[in-house]
Amino acid sequence: MSVVRFIRAYGIIMFVTFIELNILLLILGVNNSIGVAFFISLVDILPILGTGGVLIPWVIIELVNGNIYMGVGLFIGYLIITFIRNMIEPKIVGDQVGLYPLVTLIAMYVGASLFGVIGLFGFPITIVVLLNLRERGIIKLYK
C-alpha cells in the first residue's frame, strides 16, 4: 500500500510540474506546448535528469542562437519550477505515505546519498513499511 501512495505522490508532483511547464511554454509561444510539457514532466521524475536536464541545455541553445527572450524566459521558468517542486515535494510525499515532511526530506536525502536513485525512492518507502510493522506490533524498533 505504501508503494502505491508513493507512486500517487509522484504522480501529483508530475501533474503540478506539467501544468507549470505548459503555462511557461504557452507564455513563451512554444508549438505543441502540451506534448513538450508532458515529455519534460516525465523526465522530471528522474532525479538525475530532472527538469534541468531538458531546460538548461535548451536555455543554452536559445542563448547561443541569439534568442534572448526564449533563453531568459526558459531559465526563469526553470528557477520557478525548481523552487515550487522543492517546496511541495516533501509535503506531498509526506502526506501520501504518512511521514512528516521533514522526515520525508531527510529520508530522501539520506537514501539518495547512500543508494542513489533507488535510495531516493526506496529509503522513504522502507521507513514507512517499518513504521507500519511497528504499529501492528510485528516488530519493535524502539520503546
Foldseek 3Di string as FASTA:
>chain_A
DLVVLLVVLLVVLLVVQLVLQLVLCVVVVPPPSNVVSNVLSVQLSQPVQHNCVPLVVVLVVCVVVPNPVVNVSSVVSVVVSVVVCVVCSLVSSCVSLVHHSVVLVVQLVVLCVVPNRCSNSPRVSVVSVVVVCVVVVNDPPDD
